[in-house]
PDB file of N, CA and C in Angstrom:
ATOM      1  N   MET A   1      -2.405  17.790  -9.148  1.00  0.00           N
ATOM      2  CA  MET A   1      -1.254  17.551  -8.317  1.00  0.00           C
ATOM      3  C   MET A   1      -0.135  16.990  -9.198  1.00  0.00           C
ATOM      4  N   ASN A   2       1.056  17.457  -8.987  1.00  0.00           N
ATOM      5  CA  ASN A   2       2.217  17.039  -9.749  1.00  0.00           C
ATOM      6  C   ASN A   2       2.896  15.849  -9.066  1.00  0.00           C
ATOM      7  N   THR A   3       3.082  14.761  -9.807  1.00  0.00           N
ATOM      8  CA  THR A   3       3.732  13.568  -9.279  1.00  0.00           C
ATOM      9  C   THR A   3       5.038  13.340 -10.022  1.00  0.00           C
ATOM     10  N   THR A   4       6.123  13.216  -9.269  1.00  0.00           N
ATOM     11  CA  THR A   4       7.439  12.971  -9.841  1.00  0.00           C
ATOM     12  C   THR A   4       7.859  11.544  -9.531  1.00  0.00           C
ATOM     13  N   VAL A   5       8.273  10.804 -10.564  1.00  0.00           N
ATOM     14  CA  VAL A   5       8.736   9.436 -10.398  1.00  0.00           C
ATOM     15  C   VAL A   5      10.232   9.407 -10.704  1.00  0.00           C
ATOM     16  N   THR A   6      11.032   8.921  -9.729  1.00  0.00           N
ATOM     17  CA  THR A   6      12.479   8.892  -9.865  1.00  0.00           C
ATOM     18  C   THR A   6      12.977   7.466  -9.662  1.00  0.00           C
ATOM     19  N   ALA A   7      13.955   7.076 -10.469  1.00  0.00           N
ATOM     20  CA  ALA A   7      14.559   5.746 -10.339  1.00  0.00           C
ATOM     21  C   ALA A   7      16.041   5.911 -10.044  1.00  0.00           C
ATOM     22  N   ARG A   8      16.510   5.296  -8.975  1.00  0.00           N
ATOM     23  CA  ARG A   8      17.926   5.316  -8.613  1.00  0.00           C
ATOM     24  C   ARG A   8      18.512   3.933  -8.836  1.00  0.00           C
ATOM     25  N   HIS A   9      19.607   3.874  -9.547  1.00  0.00           N
ATOM     26  CA  HIS A   9      20.350   2.642  -9.795  1.00  0.00           C
ATOM     27  C   HIS A   9      19.532   1.568 -10.513  1.00  0.00           C
ATOM     28  N   CYS A  10      18.512   1.976 -11.257  1.00  0.00           N
ATOM     29  CA  CYS A  10      17.687   0.998 -11.955  1.00  0.00           C
ATOM     30  C   CYS A  10      16.902   1.689 -13.072  1.00  0.00           C
ATOM     31  N   GLU A  11      16.266   0.879 -13.891  1.00  0.00           N
ATOM     32  CA  GLU A  11      15.371   1.363 -14.941  1.00  0.00           C
ATOM     33  C   GLU A  11      13.959   0.885 -14.597  1.00  0.00           C
ATOM     34  N   ILE A  12      13.009   1.780 -14.740  1.00  0.00           N
ATOM     35  CA  ILE A  12      11.615   1.468 -14.406  1.00  0.00           C
ATOM     36  C   ILE A  12      10.801   1.435 -15.697  1.00  0.00           C
ATOM     37  N   PRO A  13      10.051   0.353 -15.950  1.00  0.00           N
ATOM     38  CA  PRO A  13       9.208   0.312 -17.149  1.00  0.00           C
ATOM     39  C   PRO A  13       8.060   1.324 -17.063  1.00  0.00           C
ATOM     40  N   GLU A  14       7.536   1.684 -18.210  1.00  0.00           N
ATOM     41  CA  GLU A  14       6.497   2.710 -18.275  1.00  0.00           C
ATOM     42  C   GLU A  14       5.216   2.289 -17.545  1.00  0.00           C
ATOM     43  N   ASP A  15       4.861   1.004 -17.591  1.00  0.00           N
ATOM     44  CA  ASP A  15       3.642   0.562 -16.904  1.00  0.00           C
ATOM     45  C   ASP A  15       3.773   0.687 -15.384  1.00  0.00           C
ATOM     46  N   LEU A  16       4.977   0.509 -14.860  1.00  0.00           N
ATOM     47  CA  LEU A  16       5.189   0.682 -13.424  1.00  0.00           C
ATOM     48  C   LEU A  16       5.138   2.162 -13.049  1.00  0.00           C
ATOM     49  N   ARG A  17       5.607   3.030 -13.935  1.00  0.00           N
ATOM     50  CA  ARG A  17       5.501   4.479 -13.693  1.00  0.00           C
ATOM     51  C   ARG A  17       4.043   4.918 -13.642  1.00  0.00           C
ATOM     52  N   THR A  18       3.230   4.419 -14.563  1.00  0.00           N
ATOM     53  CA  THR A  18       1.813   4.788 -14.549  1.00  0.00           C
ATOM     54  C   THR A  18       1.118   4.212 -13.319  1.00  0.00           C
ATOM     55  N   ARG A  19       1.512   3.017 -12.906  1.00  0.00           N
ATOM     56  CA  ARG A  19       0.951   2.423 -11.691  1.00  0.00           C
ATOM     57  C   ARG A  19       1.301   3.275 -10.461  1.00  0.00           C
ATOM     58  N   ALA A  20       2.529   3.795 -10.419  1.00  0.00           N
ATOM     59  CA  ALA A  20       2.957   4.637  -9.301  1.00  0.00           C
ATOM     60  C   ALA A  20       2.142   5.926  -9.246  1.00  0.00           C
ATOM     61  N   THR A  21       1.901   6.547 -10.385  1.00  0.00           N
ATOM     62  CA  THR A  21       1.096   7.772 -10.387  1.00  0.00           C
ATOM     63  C   THR A  21      -0.348   7.475 -10.008  1.00  0.00           C
ATOM     64  N   THR A  22      -0.856   6.323 -10.416  1.00  0.00           N
ATOM     65  CA  THR A  22      -2.223   5.936 -10.033  1.00  0.00           C
ATOM     66  C   THR A  22      -2.331   5.726  -8.531  1.00  0.00           C
ATOM     67  N   VAL A  23      -1.349   5.055  -7.939  1.00  0.00           N
ATOM     68  CA  VAL A  23      -1.346   4.833  -6.488  1.00  0.00           C
ATOM     69  C   VAL A  23      -1.305   6.168  -5.751  1.00  0.00           C
ATOM     70  N   MET A  24      -0.466   7.081  -6.198  1.00  0.00           N
ATOM     71  CA  MET A  24      -0.356   8.380  -5.533  1.00  0.00           C
ATOM     72  C   MET A  24      -1.622   9.209  -5.693  1.00  0.00           C
ATOM     73  N   GLU A  25      -2.316   9.092  -6.823  1.00  0.00           N
ATOM     74  CA  GLU A  25      -3.582   9.799  -6.997  1.00  0.00           C
ATOM     75  C   GLU A  25      -4.632   9.277  -6.024  1.00  0.00           C
ATOM     76  N   LYS A  26      -4.676   7.964  -5.838  1.00  0.00           N
ATOM     77  CA  LYS A  26      -5.634   7.376  -4.904  1.00  0.00           C
ATOM     78  C   LYS A  26      -5.319   7.786  -3.462  1.00  0.00           C
ATOM     79  N   VAL A  27      -4.050   7.774  -3.106  1.00  0.00           N
ATOM     80  CA  VAL A  27      -3.644   8.137  -1.751  1.00  0.00           C
ATOM     81  C   VAL A  27      -3.887   9.629  -1.504  1.00  0.00           C
ATOM     82  N   SER A  28      -3.646  10.443  -2.512  1.00  0.00           N
ATOM     83  CA  SER A  28      -3.785  11.892  -2.327  1.00  0.00           C
ATOM     84  C   SER A  28      -5.237  12.308  -2.112  1.00  0.00           C
ATOM     85  N   LYS A  29      -6.181  11.460  -2.480  1.00  0.00           N
ATOM     86  CA  LYS A  29      -7.596  11.774  -2.226  1.00  0.00           C
ATOM     87  C   LYS A  29      -7.911  11.759  -0.734  1.00  0.00           C
ATOM     88  N   LEU A  30      -7.100  11.061   0.050  1.00  0.00           N
ATOM     89  CA  LEU A  30      -7.298  11.027   1.497  1.00  0.00           C
ATOM     90  C   LEU A  30      -6.721  12.257   2.177  1.00  0.00           C
ATOM     91  N   ALA A  31      -5.811  12.943   1.512  1.00  0.00           N
ATOM     92  CA  ALA A  31      -5.141  14.110   2.099  1.00  0.00           C
ATOM     93  C   ALA A  31      -5.944  15.373   1.817  1.00  0.00           C
ATOM     94  N   HIS A  32      -5.754  16.346   2.673  1.00  0.00           N
ATOM     95  CA  HIS A  32      -6.411  17.639   2.498  1.00  0.00           C
ATOM     96  C   HIS A  32      -5.513  18.537   1.653  1.00  0.00           C
ATOM     97  N   ARG A  33      -5.900  18.807   0.444  1.00  0.00           N
ATOM     98  CA  ARG A  33      -5.198  19.670  -0.505  1.00  0.00           C
ATOM     99  C   ARG A  33      -3.718  19.306  -0.668  1.00  0.00           C
ATOM    100  N   PRO A  34      -3.412  18.148  -1.228  1.00  0.00           N
ATOM    101  CA  PRO A  34      -2.009  17.791  -1.439  1.00  0.00           C
ATOM    102  C   PRO A  34      -1.363  18.722  -2.455  1.00  0.00           C
ATOM    103  N   VAL A  35      -0.106  19.044  -2.225  1.00  0.00           N
ATOM    104  CA  VAL A  35       0.606  19.979  -3.085  1.00  0.00           C
ATOM    105  C   VAL A  35       1.400  19.234  -4.162  1.00  0.00           C
ATOM    106  N   ARG A  36       2.177  18.248  -3.736  1.00  0.00           N
ATOM    107  CA  ARG A  36       3.083  17.560  -4.646  1.00  0.00           C
ATOM    108  C   ARG A  36       3.341  16.158  -4.129  1.00  0.00           C
ATOM    109  N   ALA A  37       3.637  15.236  -5.049  1.00  0.00           N
ATOM    110  CA  ALA A  37       3.932  13.858  -4.666  1.00  0.00           C
ATOM    111  C   ALA A  37       5.208  13.391  -5.359  1.00  0.00           C
ATOM    112  N   GLU A  38       5.967  12.570  -4.662  1.00  0.00           N
ATOM    113  CA  GLU A  38       7.191  12.001  -5.215  1.00  0.00           C
ATOM    114  C   GLU A  38       7.186  10.492  -4.979  1.00  0.00           C
ATOM    115  N   VAL A  39       7.606   9.760  -5.989  1.00  0.00           N
ATOM    116  CA  VAL A  39       7.769   8.306  -5.888  1.00  0.00           C
ATOM    117  C   VAL A  39       9.220   8.007  -6.238  1.00  0.00           C
ATOM    118  N   LEU A  40       9.897   7.306  -5.345  1.00  0.00           N
ATOM    119  CA  LEU A  40      11.315   7.017  -5.522  1.00  0.00           C
ATOM    120  C   LEU A  40      11.518   5.504  -5.537  1.00  0.00           C
ATOM    121  N   PHE A  41      12.033   4.999  -6.653  1.00  0.00           N
ATOM    122  CA  PHE A  41      12.383   3.584  -6.781  1.00  0.00           C
ATOM    123  C   PHE A  41      13.893   3.467  -6.623  1.00  0.00           C
ATOM    124  N   ASP A  42      14.339   2.537  -5.777  1.00  0.00           N
ATOM    125  CA  ASP A  42      15.766   2.372  -5.545  1.00  0.00           C
ATOM    126  C   ASP A  42      16.113   0.887  -5.529  1.00  0.00           C
ATOM    127  N   ASN A  43      17.145   0.532  -6.273  1.00  0.00           N
ATOM    128  CA  ASN A  43      17.649  -0.837  -6.290  1.00  0.00           C
ATOM    129  C   ASN A  43      19.026  -0.808  -5.643  1.00  0.00           C
ATOM    130  N   ASP A  44      19.091  -1.079  -4.365  1.00  0.00           N
ATOM    131  CA  ASP A  44      20.330  -0.990  -3.605  1.00  0.00           C
ATOM    132  C   ASP A  44      20.789  -2.395  -3.235  1.00  0.00           C
ATOM    133  N   HIS A  45      21.782  -2.909  -3.946  1.00  0.00           N
ATOM    134  CA  HIS A  45      22.317  -4.256  -3.707  1.00  0.00           C
ATOM    135  C   HIS A  45      21.203  -5.302  -3.762  1.00  0.00           C
ATOM    136  N   ASN A  46      20.423  -5.251  -4.839  1.00  0.00           N
ATOM    137  CA  ASN A  46      19.304  -6.166  -5.102  1.00  0.00           C
ATOM    138  C   ASN A  46      18.191  -6.072  -4.065  1.00  0.00           C
ATOM    139  N   ARG A  47      18.126  -4.970  -3.340  1.00  0.00           N
ATOM    140  CA  ARG A  47      16.991  -4.694  -2.455  1.00  0.00           C
ATOM    141  C   ARG A  47      16.102  -3.702  -3.181  1.00  0.00           C
ATOM    142  N   LYS A  48      14.870  -4.064  -3.442  1.00  0.00           N
ATOM    143  CA  LYS A  48      13.918  -3.196  -4.136  1.00  0.00           C
ATOM    144  C   LYS A  48      13.200  -2.347  -3.097  1.00  0.00           C
ATOM    145  N   ILE A  49      13.447  -1.050  -3.123  1.00  0.00           N
ATOM    146  CA  ILE A  49      12.883  -0.135  -2.138  1.00  0.00           C
ATOM    147  C   ILE A  49      12.063   0.923  -2.866  1.00  0.00           C
ATOM    148  N   VAL A  50      10.860   1.172  -2.369  1.00  0.00           N
ATOM    149  CA  VAL A  50      10.000   2.229  -2.895  1.00  0.00           C
ATOM    150  C   VAL A  50       9.688   3.186  -1.761  1.00  0.00           C
ATOM    151  N   GLU A  51       9.847   4.469  -2.033  1.00  0.00           N
ATOM    152  CA  GLU A  51       9.559   5.503  -1.041  1.00  0.00           C
ATOM    153  C   GLU A  51       8.544   6.473  -1.638  1.00  0.00           C
ATOM    154  N   LEU A  52       7.464   6.712  -0.906  1.00  0.00           N
ATOM    155  CA  LEU A  52       6.424   7.643  -1.329  1.00  0.00           C
ATOM    156  C   LEU A  52       6.474   8.868  -0.428  1.00  0.00           C
ATOM    157  N   ILE A  53       6.508  10.033  -1.032  1.00  0.00           N
ATOM    158  CA  ILE A  53       6.567  11.285  -0.295  1.00  0.00           C
ATOM    159  C   ILE A  53       5.407  12.150  -0.758  1.00  0.00           C
ATOM    160  N   LEU A  54       4.587  12.589   0.188  1.00  0.00           N
ATOM    161  CA  LEU A  54       3.437  13.434  -0.116  1.00  0.00           C
ATOM    162  C   LEU A  54       3.601  14.757   0.619  1.00  0.00           C
ATOM    163  N   HIS A  55       3.693  15.837  -0.142  1.00  0.00           N
ATOM    164  CA  HIS A  55       3.849  17.169   0.428  1.00  0.00           C
ATOM    165  C   HIS A  55       2.470  17.792   0.591  1.00  0.00           C
ATOM    166  N   LEU A  56       2.198  18.274   1.800  1.00  0.00           N
ATOM    167  CA  LEU A  56       0.913  18.876   2.142  1.00  0.00           C
ATOM    168  C   LEU A  56       1.107  20.363   2.415  1.00  0.00           C
ATOM    169  N   PRO A  57       0.015  21.118   2.521  1.00  0.00           N
ATOM    170  CA  PRO A  57       0.154  22.551   2.816  1.00  0.00           C
ATOM    171  C   PRO A  57       0.829  22.808   4.163  1.00  0.00           C
ATOM    172  N   ARG A  58       1.339  23.998   4.327  1.00  0.00           N
ATOM    173  CA  ARG A  58       2.020  24.464   5.541  1.00  0.00           C
ATOM    174  C   ARG A  58       3.265  23.647   5.878  1.00  0.00           C
ATOM    175  N   GLY A  59       3.937  23.128   4.868  1.00  0.00           N
ATOM    176  CA  GLY A  59       5.207  22.441   5.085  1.00  0.00           C
ATOM    177  C   GLY A  59       5.109  21.037   5.637  1.00  0.00           C
ATOM    178  N   GLN A  60       3.931  20.481   5.732  1.00  0.00           N
ATOM    179  CA  GLN A  60       3.794  19.120   6.245  1.00  0.00           C
ATOM    180  C   GLN A  60       4.172  18.119   5.164  1.00  0.00           C
ATOM    181  N   THR A  61       4.770  17.025   5.588  1.00  0.00           N
ATOM    182  CA  THR A  61       5.185  15.973   4.666  1.00  0.00           C
ATOM    183  C   THR A  61       4.879  14.617   5.274  1.00  0.00           C
ATOM    184  N   ARG A  62       4.370  13.723   4.457  1.00  0.00           N
ATOM    185  CA  ARG A  62       4.143  12.341   4.876  1.00  0.00           C
ATOM    186  C   ARG A  62       5.031  11.452   4.017  1.00  0.00           C
ATOM    187  N   VAL A  63       5.764  10.536   4.671  1.00  0.00           N
ATOM    188  CA  VAL A  63       6.702   9.662   3.974  1.00  0.00           C
ATOM    189  C   VAL A  63       6.423   8.217   4.369  1.00  0.00           C
ATOM    190  N   ALA A  64       6.409   7.336   3.370  1.00  0.00           N
ATOM    191  CA  ALA A  64       6.265   5.903   3.622  1.00  0.00           C
ATOM    192  C   ALA A  64       7.205   5.163   2.688  1.00  0.00           C
ATOM    193  N   SER A  65       7.887   4.165   3.218  1.00  0.00           N
ATOM    194  CA  SER A  65       8.774   3.362   2.374  1.00  0.00           C
ATOM    195  C   SER A  65       8.548   1.889   2.668  1.00  0.00           C
ATOM    196  N   ALA A  66       8.844   1.082   1.662  1.00  0.00           N
ATOM    197  CA  ALA A  66       8.671  -0.364   1.808  1.00  0.00           C
ATOM    198  C   ALA A  66       9.727  -1.061   0.956  1.00  0.00           C
ATOM    199  N   GLU A  67      10.045  -2.279   1.363  1.00  0.00           N
ATOM    200  CA  GLU A  67      11.032  -3.101   0.667  1.00  0.00           C
ATOM    201  C   GLU A  67      10.413  -4.457   0.366  1.00  0.00           C
ATOM    202  N   ALA A  68      10.692  -4.974  -0.834  1.00  0.00           N
ATOM    203  CA  ALA A  68      10.155  -6.278  -1.226  1.00  0.00           C
ATOM    204  C   ALA A  68      11.068  -6.889  -2.290  1.00  0.00           C
ATOM    205  N   ASP A  69      10.662  -8.062  -2.779  1.00  0.00           N
ATOM    206  CA  ASP A  69      11.444  -8.734  -3.809  1.00  0.00           C
ATOM    207  C   ASP A  69      11.283  -8.077  -5.176  1.00  0.00           C
ATOM    208  N   ASP A  70      10.137  -7.405  -5.392  1.00  0.00           N
ATOM    209  CA  ASP A  70       9.926  -6.690  -6.648  1.00  0.00           C
ATOM    210  C   ASP A  70       9.310  -5.319  -6.358  1.00  0.00           C
ATOM    211  N   PHE A  71       9.411  -4.430  -7.338  1.00  0.00           N
ATOM    212  CA  PHE A  71       8.976  -3.057  -7.137  1.00  0.00           C
ATOM    213  C   PHE A  71       7.464  -2.938  -6.983  1.00  0.00           C
ATOM    214  N   LEU A  72       6.705  -3.770  -7.659  1.00  0.00           N
ATOM    215  CA  LEU A  72       5.245  -3.669  -7.591  1.00  0.00           C
ATOM    216  C   LEU A  72       4.733  -3.973  -6.186  1.00  0.00           C
ATOM    217  N   THR A  73       5.261  -5.001  -5.564  1.00  0.00           N
ATOM    218  CA  THR A  73       4.865  -5.337  -4.197  1.00  0.00           C
ATOM    219  C   THR A  73       5.287  -4.246  -3.223  1.00  0.00           C
ATOM    220  N   ALA A  74       6.494  -3.734  -3.399  1.00  0.00           N
ATOM    221  CA  ALA A  74       6.966  -2.657  -2.528  1.00  0.00           C
ATOM    222  C   ALA A  74       6.118  -1.405  -2.693  1.00  0.00           C
ATOM    223  N   LEU A  75       5.695  -1.112  -3.915  1.00  0.00           N
ATOM    224  CA  LEU A  75       4.840   0.051  -4.171  1.00  0.00           C
ATOM    225  C   LEU A  75       3.502  -0.094  -3.465  1.00  0.00           C
ATOM    226  N   ASP A  76       2.904  -1.268  -3.546  1.00  0.00           N
ATOM    227  CA  ASP A  76       1.617  -1.496  -2.880  1.00  0.00           C
ATOM    228  C   ASP A  76       1.749  -1.399  -1.363  1.00  0.00           C
ATOM    229  N   ARG A  77       2.823  -1.938  -0.809  1.00  0.00           N
ATOM    230  CA  ARG A  77       3.025  -1.874   0.642  1.00  0.00           C
ATOM    231  C   ARG A  77       3.233  -0.441   1.108  1.00  0.00           C
ATOM    232  N   ALA A  78       4.028   0.323   0.367  1.00  0.00           N
ATOM    233  CA  ALA A  78       4.257   1.718   0.729  1.00  0.00           C
ATOM    234  C   ALA A  78       2.966   2.531   0.600  1.00  0.00           C
ATOM    235  N   GLY A  79       2.161   2.224  -0.406  1.00  0.00           N
ATOM    236  CA  GLY A  79       0.869   2.896  -0.557  1.00  0.00           C
ATOM    237  C   GLY A  79      -0.057   2.633   0.618  1.00  0.00           C
ATOM    238  N   ASP A  80      -0.074   1.388   1.098  1.00  0.00           N
ATOM    239  CA  ASP A  80      -0.887   1.054   2.265  1.00  0.00           C
ATOM    240  C   ASP A  80      -0.400   1.782   3.513  1.00  0.00           C
ATOM    241  N   LYS A  81       0.911   1.891   3.668  1.00  0.00           N
ATOM    242  CA  LYS A  81       1.461   2.608   4.821  1.00  0.00           C
ATOM    243  C   LYS A  81       1.096   4.084   4.782  1.00  0.00           C
ATOM    244  N   LEU A  82       1.149   4.676   3.600  1.00  0.00           N
ATOM    245  CA  LEU A  82       0.815   6.094   3.473  1.00  0.00           C
ATOM    246  C   LEU A  82      -0.672   6.328   3.704  1.00  0.00           C
ATOM    247  N   LYS A  83      -1.514   5.421   3.222  1.00  0.00           N
ATOM    248  CA  LYS A  83      -2.957   5.521   3.490  1.00  0.00           C
ATOM    249  C   LYS A  83      -3.231   5.463   4.984  1.00  0.00           C
ATOM    250  N   HIS A  84      -2.519   4.592   5.672  1.00  0.00           N
ATOM    251  CA  HIS A  84      -2.693   4.456   7.115  1.00  0.00           C
ATOM    252  C   HIS A  84      -2.296   5.749   7.827  1.00  0.00           C
ATOM    253  N   GLN A  85      -1.198   6.351   7.411  1.00  0.00           N
ATOM    254  CA  GLN A  85      -0.762   7.610   8.021  1.00  0.00           C
ATOM    255  C   GLN A  85      -1.791   8.708   7.830  1.00  0.00           C
ATOM    256  N   LEU A  86      -2.361   8.790   6.649  1.00  0.00           N
ATOM    257  CA  LEU A  86      -3.321   9.851   6.371  1.00  0.00           C
ATOM    258  C   LEU A  86      -4.662   9.593   7.042  1.00  0.00           C
ATOM    259  N   GLY A  87      -5.021   8.339   7.199  1.00  0.00           N
ATOM    260  CA  GLY A  87      -6.314   8.018   7.785  1.00  0.00           C
ATOM    261  C   GLY A  87      -6.361   8.135   9.287  1.00  0.00           C
ATOM    262  N   LYS A  88      -5.276   7.804   9.974  1.00  0.00           N
ATOM    263  CA  LYS A  88      -5.329   7.764  11.431  1.00  0.00           C
ATOM    264  C   LYS A  88      -5.251   9.145  12.062  1.00  0.00           C
ATOM    265  N   ASN A  89      -4.764  10.143  11.328  1.00  0.00           N
ATOM    266  CA  ASN A  89      -4.639  11.474  11.893  1.00  0.00           C
ATOM    267  C   ASN A  89      -5.822  12.373  11.582  1.00  0.00           C
ATOM    268  N   ASP A  90      -6.823  11.866  10.892  1.00  0.00           N
ATOM    269  CA  ASP A  90      -7.961  12.682  10.503  1.00  0.00           C
ATOM    270  C   ASP A  90      -9.138  12.406  11.430  1.00  0.00           C
ATOM    271  N   PRO A  91      -9.484  13.320  12.334  1.00  0.00           N
ATOM    272  CA  PRO A  91     -10.557  13.056  13.288  1.00  0.00           C
ATOM    273  C   PRO A  91     -11.934  12.952  12.631  1.00  0.00           C
ATOM    274  N   VAL A  92     -12.135  13.574  11.492  1.00  0.00           N
ATOM    275  CA  VAL A  92     -13.435  13.495  10.831  1.00  0.00           C
ATOM    276  C   VAL A  92     -13.678  12.092  10.313  1.00  0.00           C
ATOM    277  N   ARG A  93     -12.675  11.468   9.706  1.00  0.00           N
ATOM    278  CA  ARG A  93     -12.834  10.116   9.174  1.00  0.00           C
ATOM    279  C   ARG A  93     -12.919   9.070  10.279  1.00  0.00           C
ATOM    280  N   ASN A  94     -12.300   9.336  11.404  1.00  0.00           N
ATOM    281  CA  ASN A  94     -12.300   8.369  12.500  1.00  0.00           C
ATOM    282  C   ASN A  94     -13.455   8.555  13.476  1.00  0.00           C
ATOM    283  N   GLY A  95     -14.203   9.643  13.349  1.00  0.00           N
ATOM    284  CA  GLY A  95     -15.316   9.881  14.236  1.00  0.00           C
ATOM    285  C   GLY A  95     -14.902  10.373  15.620  1.00  0.00           C
ATOM    286  N   ARG A  96     -13.708  10.890  15.761  1.00  0.00           N
ATOM    287  CA  ARG A  96     -13.222  11.372  17.053  1.00  0.00           C
ATOM    288  C   ARG A  96     -13.066  12.884  16.991  1.00  0.00           C
ATOM    289  N   ARG A  97     -14.117  13.584  16.980  1.00  0.00           N
ATOM    290  CA  ARG A  97     -14.062  15.045  16.957  1.00  0.00           C
ATOM    291  C   ARG A  97     -13.922  15.562  18.379  1.00  0.00           C
ATOM    292  N   LYS A  98     -13.325  16.739  18.486  1.00  0.00           N
ATOM    293  CA  LYS A  98     -13.219  17.363  19.804  1.00  0.00           C
ATOM    294  C   LYS A  98     -14.597  17.859  20.225  1.00  0.00           C
ATOM    295  N   LYS A  99     -14.917  17.623  21.467  1.00  0.00           N
ATOM    296  CA  LYS A  99     -16.193  18.099  21.988  1.00  0.00           C
ATOM    297  C   LYS A  99     -16.026  19.545  22.425  1.00  0.00           C
ATOM    298  N   THR A 100     -16.944  20.366  21.985  1.00  0.00           N
ATOM    299  CA  THR A 100     -16.886  21.782  22.371  1.00  0.00           C
ATOM    300  C   THR A 100     -17.773  22.014  23.573  1.00  0.00           C
ATOM    301  N   ALA A 101     -17.321  22.905  24.407  1.00  0.00           N
ATOM    302  CA  ALA A 101     -18.075  23.168  25.641  1.00  0.00           C
ATOM    303  C   ALA A 101     -19.107  24.262  25.443  1.00  0.00           C
TER     304      ALA A 101
END
C-alpha cells in the first residue's frame, strides 16, 4: 500500500514521517484491501492538525482528523478514530452477522 505524507505550513522531522507510515500500516490491517493512504500534517495558526485518509476499493474513503498541542499526540488520536471507524462497520469483527433464512 502506498502512503503519502504531506506537510502544510510546517516542516515534519523524518522520525515523525516514519511514525505516520507505521500508524497507517497498522490501521490498514483492519481494512479490507486498502488501496492508498494519505497523512496530512497542518500547522494552522499554531493549531497542530493531523488528518488521515484511507482509500478503499469501490471509491470508499475513510477520513479521521485530530487536533492537539503537538503532532505526535494528534497523530495517535486520529489513528484511534480511524481504527474505530473501520472496526464498527465490520460485522465479522463485531459478531453481528446477518441471519440467513
